[in-house]
């Protein structure tokens, strides 16, 4: 898949969402995030995201990012997400942001979030309490951060979205959700940023977004009490097996043709493998990743996982 094919997959998803809108790709003169090519995805004249593709080290992957404006065009997120996955079967979530808006400052403010942090409201089941930080001002609104990007799967934000909206659009700004949404100064957003830093994100993370939002920490669970908390977890054996699958794929791409020729010459796979691995020790990187916990059947089982997840989403 390349950039135009990724945009076409998005177009199919928007058509399935019954909006009938057609995104377009505005190609940029340079790449993005290590990819050789990139471009902005435009919808109705607005930028709704970015797409990047190509590059020797990218393994044929295409990176697609949809921003908040793009999400605002989606009428039914469940239908849209299923359509994207069906249009691009090899899709993997790298980052997903889940947000909960509140217009009751007795329930949610950055200060209330900090009070929750102090009594363990953001604590993981195991491990130390995550770090916290503050940024902002009384005029432009405050943002409260919990967690460390790139270290753990979860990164939390609680910020005064209404104050930020006024700062971006002026003192006479109108609430984008209409008068029924309440005063802008009361608009506070709790946001969960999920990344694949601790292992692959589940394919159903968007369909079951309320459950994963609630499962991220006790404080966020209290904001959506009607949702059954569900944690994003990867079994250690599964994580190691996934790392092995990736390693095998890299080995195939780099040395597959040479090994294929050598198999033809030797005819005996065991003899060839003994010659290649003679006097070699275990790979420190694979051992550190838990490879010695994995059996061959674990790898085969996970190769089927994606197909099973795909079927369960339909």
Protein backbone atom coordinates (compact mmCIF):
# COMPACT_ATOMS: atom_id res chain seq x y z
CA UNK A 1 0.00 0.00 0.00
CA UNK A 2 1.16 3.56 -0.74
CA UNK A 3 -0.19 7.01 0.14
CA UNK A 4 -2.91 7.23 -2.53
CA UNK A 5 -4.08 3.69 -1.66
CA UNK A 6 -4.31 4.67 2.03
CA UNK A 7 -6.39 7.72 1.14
CA UNK A 8 -8.65 5.52 -0.97
CA UNK A 9 -9.11 3.23 2.05
CA UNK A 10 -10.16 6.28 4.08
CA UNK A 11 -12.54 7.33 1.30
CA UNK A 12 -14.21 3.92 1.43
CA UNK A 13 -14.60 4.30 5.18
CA UNK A 14 -16.20 7.74 4.82
CA UNK A 15 -18.55 6.38 2.16
CA UNK A 16 -19.51 3.52 4.49
CA UNK A 17 -20.12 6.12 7.20
CA UNK A 18 -22.85 7.53 4.93
CA UNK A 19 -21.26 10.98 4.62
CA UNK A 20 -20.42 10.46 0.95
CA UNK A 21 -17.27 12.60 1.24
CA UNK A 22 -14.09 11.96 -0.73
CA UNK A 23 -10.72 12.76 0.89
CA UNK A 24 -7.92 13.97 -1.35
CA UNK A 25 -4.14 13.71 -0.99
CA UNK A 26 -2.10 16.92 -1.20
CA UNK A 27 1.43 15.58 -1.62
CA UNK A 28 4.23 17.38 0.22
CA UNK A 29 7.72 18.00 -1.21
CA UNK A 30 9.36 15.96 1.56
CA UNK A 31 8.80 12.94 3.76
CA UNK A 32 7.58 12.70 7.35
CA UNK A 33 8.74 10.76 10.43
CA UNK A 34 11.39 8.83 8.51
CA UNK A 35 9.21 8.04 5.48
CA UNK A 36 10.34 9.05 2.02
CA UNK A 37 7.03 10.56 0.91
CA UNK A 38 4.19 12.33 2.68
CA UNK A 39 1.16 14.49 2.16
CA UNK A 40 -1.82 16.09 3.84
CA UNK A 41 -5.22 14.44 3.64
CA UNK A 42 -7.85 17.05 2.74
CA UNK A 43 -11.62 16.74 3.13
CA UNK A 44 -14.00 19.51 2.10
CA UNK A 45 -11.01 21.85 1.89
CA UNK A 46 -9.81 21.11 5.42
CA UNK A 47 -6.76 19.17 6.55
CA UNK A 48 -7.97 16.07 8.39
CA UNK A 49 -4.65 14.27 8.75
CA UNK A 50 -1.35 13.19 7.25
CA UNK A 51 -0.12 10.15 5.39
CA UNK A 52 3.47 8.99 4.83
CA UNK A 53 4.91 6.09 2.85
CA UNK A 54 8.08 4.74 1.22
CA UNK A 55 11.62 4.52 2.52
CA UNK A 56 14.16 1.71 2.74
CA UNK A 57 13.69 1.20 6.48
CA UNK A 58 9.89 1.30 6.63
CA UNK A 59 9.21 -2.27 5.52
CA UNK A 60 6.40 -1.30 3.16
CA UNK A 61 4.29 0.30 5.90
CA UNK A 62 2.16 3.40 5.41
CA UNK A 63 1.56 5.76 8.33
CA UNK A 64 -1.81 7.53 8.53
CA UNK A 65 -2.68 10.09 11.18
CA UNK A 66 -6.22 11.48 11.53
CA UNK A 67 -6.57 14.68 13.56
CA UNK A 68 -9.48 16.00 15.61
CA UNK A 69 -10.97 17.82 12.62
CA UNK A 70 -11.04 14.53 10.72
CA UNK A 71 -12.71 12.73 13.62
CA UNK A 72 -15.32 15.49 13.64
CA UNK A 73 -16.39 14.46 10.14
CA UNK A 74 -17.16 10.92 11.32
CA UNK A 75 -20.85 10.32 12.01
CA UNK A 76 -20.48 6.76 13.35
CA UNK A 77 -17.02 5.96 14.70
CA UNK A 78 -17.72 2.23 15.04
CA UNK A 79 -18.74 1.89 11.38
CA UNK A 80 -15.85 4.08 10.26
CA UNK A 81 -13.25 2.10 12.25
CA UNK A 82 -14.52 -1.26 11.00
CA UNK A 83 -14.48 0.05 7.44
CA UNK A 84 -10.86 1.23 7.73
CA UNK A 85 -9.75 -2.15 9.09
CA UNK A 86 -11.60 -4.00 6.34
CA UNK A 87 -10.19 -1.70 3.64
CA UNK A 88 -6.63 -2.06 4.98
CA UNK A 89 -6.43 -5.55 6.59
CA UNK A 90 -2.82 -5.14 7.74
CA UNK A 91 -3.64 -2.03 9.77
CA UNK A 92 -2.10 -1.60 13.23
CA UNK A 93 -2.87 1.13 15.75
CA UNK A 94 0.25 3.09 16.70
CA UNK A 95 -1.52 5.76 18.74
CA UNK A 96 -5.14 6.30 19.69
CA UNK A 97 -6.41 9.30 21.69
CA UNK A 98 -9.66 8.82 23.63
CA UNK A 99 -11.38 11.90 25.09
CA UNK A 100 -14.18 12.57 27.58
CA UNK A 101 -15.66 16.07 27.75
CA UNK A 102 -17.29 17.44 30.89
CA UNK A 103 -19.07 20.74 31.56
CA UNK A 104 -19.37 20.30 35.32
CA UNK A 105 -16.36 21.69 37.15
CA UNK A 106 -17.45 19.95 40.36
CA UNK A 107 -16.66 16.66 38.60
CA UNK A 108 -13.62 17.41 36.45
CA UNK A 109 -10.86 20.02 36.52
CA UNK A 110 -7.07 19.76 36.39
CA UNK A 111 -7.10 20.36 40.15
CA UNK A 112 -9.54 17.51 40.78
CA UNK A 113 -7.32 15.27 38.65
CA UNK A 114 -4.33 16.20 40.83
CA UNK A 115 -6.29 15.38 43.97
CA UNK A 116 -7.07 11.98 42.44
CA UNK A 117 -3.37 11.46 41.60
CA UNK A 118 -2.42 12.11 45.22
CA UNK A 119 -4.68 9.30 46.46
CA UNK A 120 -3.68 6.78 43.79
CA UNK A 121 -6.29 7.54 41.13
CA UNK A 122 -3.75 7.12 38.33
CA UNK A 123 -1.73 4.29 39.88
CA UNK A 124 -1.12 1.15 37.80
CA UNK A 125 -1.95 -2.27 39.30
CA UNK A 126 1.78 -2.83 39.73
CA UNK A 127 4.69 -0.43 39.70
CA UNK A 128 5.37 3.11 40.88
CA UNK A 129 3.01 6.06 40.76
CA UNK A 130 3.33 7.85 37.38
CA UNK A 131 4.85 11.33 37.19
CA UNK A 132 2.71 14.45 36.93
CA UNK A 133 3.23 17.91 35.43
CA UNK A 134 1.39 21.21 34.93
CA UNK A 135 1.48 23.64 32.02
CA UNK A 136 -0.55 26.69 31.07
CA UNK A 137 -1.90 29.88 32.58
CA UNK A 138 -5.04 31.34 34.12
CA UNK A 139 -5.77 33.16 30.86
CA UNK A 140 -5.16 30.32 28.39
CA UNK A 141 -6.19 27.44 30.61
CA UNK A 142 -4.26 24.77 32.51
CA UNK A 143 -3.25 21.31 31.38
CA UNK A 144 -2.44 18.54 33.85
CA UNK A 145 -0.27 15.68 32.57
CA UNK A 146 0.24 12.24 34.11
CA UNK A 147 2.69 9.64 32.82
CA UNK A 148 5.81 9.58 30.68
CA UNK A 149 5.57 9.39 26.91
CA UNK A 150 7.43 6.50 25.30
CA UNK A 151 7.86 4.64 28.58
CA UNK A 152 4.38 3.33 29.31
CA UNK A 153 1.34 2.63 27.18
CA UNK A 154 -0.86 5.25 28.91
CA UNK A 155 -0.41 9.02 28.95
CA UNK A 156 -3.17 11.12 30.53
CA UNK A 157 -4.16 14.76 30.09
CA UNK A 158 -6.83 16.83 31.80
CA UNK A 159 -7.12 20.34 30.42
CA UNK A 160 -9.38 23.35 30.28
CA UNK A 161 -10.51 22.91 26.70
CA UNK A 162 -12.90 25.86 26.82
CA UNK A 163 -10.20 28.29 27.93
CA UNK A 164 -7.90 26.97 25.21
CA UNK A 165 -10.73 27.40 22.68
CA UNK A 166 -11.12 31.05 23.72
CA UNK A 167 -7.36 31.55 23.45
CA UNK A 168 -7.33 30.09 19.94
CA UNK A 169 -10.49 31.80 18.64
CA UNK A 170 -10.82 35.01 20.64
CA UNK A 171 -12.90 36.28 23.55
CA UNK A 172 -16.10 36.17 21.49
CA UNK A 173 -15.62 32.51 20.59
CA UNK A 174 -18.74 30.36 20.29
CA UNK A 175 -18.85 26.88 21.79
CA UNK A 176 -18.37 24.44 18.86
CA UNK A 177 -20.99 22.09 20.33
CA UNK A 178 -23.66 24.80 20.59
CA UNK A 179 -25.39 26.63 23.39
CA UNK A 180 -26.70 23.44 24.96
CA UNK A 181 -23.11 22.46 25.80
CA UNK A 182 -22.85 25.12 28.49
CA UNK A 183 -20.37 27.93 29.12
CA UNK A 184 -16.96 27.69 27.50
CA UNK A 185 -15.14 28.27 30.79
CA UNK A 186 -16.78 25.12 32.21
CA UNK A 187 -15.60 22.89 29.35
CA UNK A 188 -12.88 20.48 30.59
CA UNK A 189 -11.52 17.50 28.69
CA UNK A 190 -9.98 14.29 30.04
CA UNK A 191 -7.85 12.59 27.42
CA UNK A 192 -6.12 9.22 27.30
CA UNK A 193 -3.27 8.78 24.84
CA UNK A 194 -2.66 5.10 24.09
CA UNK A 195 0.49 4.01 22.23
CA UNK A 196 2.01 0.72 21.17
CA UNK A 197 5.15 1.31 23.27
CA UNK A 198 4.31 -1.67 25.52
CA UNK A 199 3.01 -3.94 22.76
CA UNK A 200 0.38 -3.84 20.01
CA UNK A 201 -2.87 -2.05 20.70
CA UNK A 202 -6.02 -4.17 20.34
CA UNK A 203 -7.83 -3.77 17.03
CA UNK A 204 -11.09 -3.16 18.90
CA UNK A 205 -9.72 -0.22 20.92
CA UNK A 206 -11.93 2.24 19.01
CA UNK A 207 -15.07 0.09 19.06
CA UNK A 208 -14.66 -0.43 22.83
CA UNK A 209 -13.19 2.97 23.53
CA UNK A 210 -15.31 3.64 26.64
CA UNK A 211 -14.10 0.40 28.23
CA UNK A 212 -10.41 1.03 27.49
CA UNK A 213 -10.78 4.64 28.69
CA UNK A 214 -12.24 3.39 31.98
CA UNK A 215 -9.65 0.63 32.27
CA UNK A 216 -6.67 2.99 32.01
CA UNK A 217 -6.86 4.17 35.66
CA UNK A 218 -9.33 4.39 38.57
CA UNK A 219 -9.90 8.15 38.14
CA UNK A 220 -10.87 7.85 34.48
CA UNK A 221 -13.12 4.89 35.37
CA UNK A 222 -14.99 7.21 37.78
CA UNK A 223 -15.73 9.59 34.87
CA UNK A 224 -17.56 6.90 32.88
CA UNK A 225 -19.17 4.72 35.59
CA UNK A 226 -21.48 3.06 33.07
CA UNK A 227 -18.53 1.44 31.25
CA UNK A 228 -16.96 -1.85 32.25
CA UNK A 229 -13.19 -1.18 32.60
CA UNK A 230 -11.03 -3.05 30.12
CA UNK A 231 -7.23 -2.90 30.24
CA UNK A 232 -4.92 -2.86 27.23
CA UNK A 233 -2.68 -5.79 28.10
CA UNK A 234 -0.26 -7.99 26.19
CA UNK A 235 0.76 -11.35 27.64
CA UNK A 236 4.59 -11.52 28.09
CA UNK A 237 4.76 -14.64 25.91
CA UNK A 238 2.63 -12.97 23.25
CA UNK A 239 4.83 -9.87 23.35
CA UNK A 240 7.95 -11.99 22.89
CA UNK A 241 6.32 -14.01 20.10
CA UNK A 242 5.31 -10.83 18.31
CA UNK A 243 8.90 -9.62 18.56
CA UNK A 244 10.06 -12.92 17.06
CA UNK A 245 7.57 -12.62 14.21
CA UNK A 246 8.92 -9.17 13.45
CA UNK A 247 12.49 -10.50 13.65
CA UNK A 248 11.68 -13.35 11.27
CA UNK A 249 10.12 -10.89 8.84
CA UNK A 250 13.25 -8.70 8.93
CA UNK A 251 15.44 -11.78 8.44
CA UNK A 252 13.37 -12.85 5.46
CA UNK A 253 13.55 -9.40 3.84
CA UNK A 254 17.30 -8.98 4.37
CA UNK A 255 18.61 -12.51 3.83
CA UNK A 256 15.69 -14.50 2.40
CA UNK A 257 16.99 -14.71 -1.20
CA UNK A 258 20.48 -15.75 -0.05
CA UNK A 259 19.09 -18.41 2.30
CA UNK A 260 16.79 -19.70 -0.44
CA UNK A 261 19.76 -20.19 -2.75
CA UNK A 262 21.78 -21.89 0.00
CA UNK A 263 18.89 -24.28 0.71
CA UNK A 264 18.89 -25.21 -2.95
CA UNK A 265 22.65 -25.89 -2.86
CA UNK A 266 22.76 -27.87 0.39
CA UNK A 267 19.39 -29.60 0.25
CA UNK A 268 19.63 -30.33 3.98
CA UNK A 269 18.09 -27.56 6.09
CA UNK A 270 19.54 -28.85 9.37
CA UNK A 271 23.10 -28.99 7.98
CA UNK A 272 22.73 -25.49 6.54
CA UNK A 273 21.37 -24.12 9.81
CA UNK A 274 24.21 -25.74 11.78
CA UNK A 275 26.77 -24.14 9.46
CA UNK A 276 25.20 -20.70 9.79
CA UNK A 277 24.81 -20.80 13.58
CA UNK A 278 28.11 -22.60 14.39
CA UNK A 279 29.79 -21.06 17.49
CA UNK A 280 27.01 -18.46 17.79
CA UNK A 281 25.43 -17.60 21.12
CA UNK A 282 21.85 -16.47 21.72
CA UNK A 283 20.83 -13.05 20.46
CA UNK A 284 20.94 -10.70 23.51
CA UNK A 285 18.15 -8.58 22.02
CA UNK A 286 15.80 -11.52 21.48
CA UNK A 287 16.58 -13.05 24.88
CA UNK A 288 15.95 -9.69 26.57
CA UNK A 289 12.62 -9.60 24.77
CA UNK A 290 11.61 -12.97 26.21
CA UNK A 291 12.25 -15.15 23.14
CA UNK A 292 13.26 -18.16 25.23
CA UNK A 293 9.74 -18.19 26.72
CA UNK A 294 8.23 -18.77 23.29
CA UNK A 295 7.39 -22.06 21.61
CA UNK A 296 6.77 -22.54 17.92
CA UNK A 297 3.05 -22.96 18.49
CA UNK A 298 2.93 -19.51 20.14
CA UNK A 299 4.18 -17.93 16.94
CA UNK A 300 1.69 -19.86 14.82
CA UNK A 301 -1.14 -18.97 17.19
CA UNK A 302 -0.41 -15.25 16.97
CA UNK A 303 -0.23 -15.38 13.19
CA UNK A 304 -3.90 -16.34 13.34
CA UNK A 305 -4.83 -13.72 15.96
CA UNK A 306 -5.26 -10.91 13.46
CA UNK A 307 -7.65 -13.00 11.35
CA UNK A 308 -9.70 -13.84 14.45
CA UNK A 309 -9.82 -10.17 15.52
CA UNK A 310 -10.89 -9.16 12.03
CA UNK A 311 -13.78 -11.63 12.10
CA UNK A 312 -14.88 -10.47 15.56
CA UNK A 313 -15.12 -6.87 14.38
CA UNK A 314 -17.59 -7.64 11.60
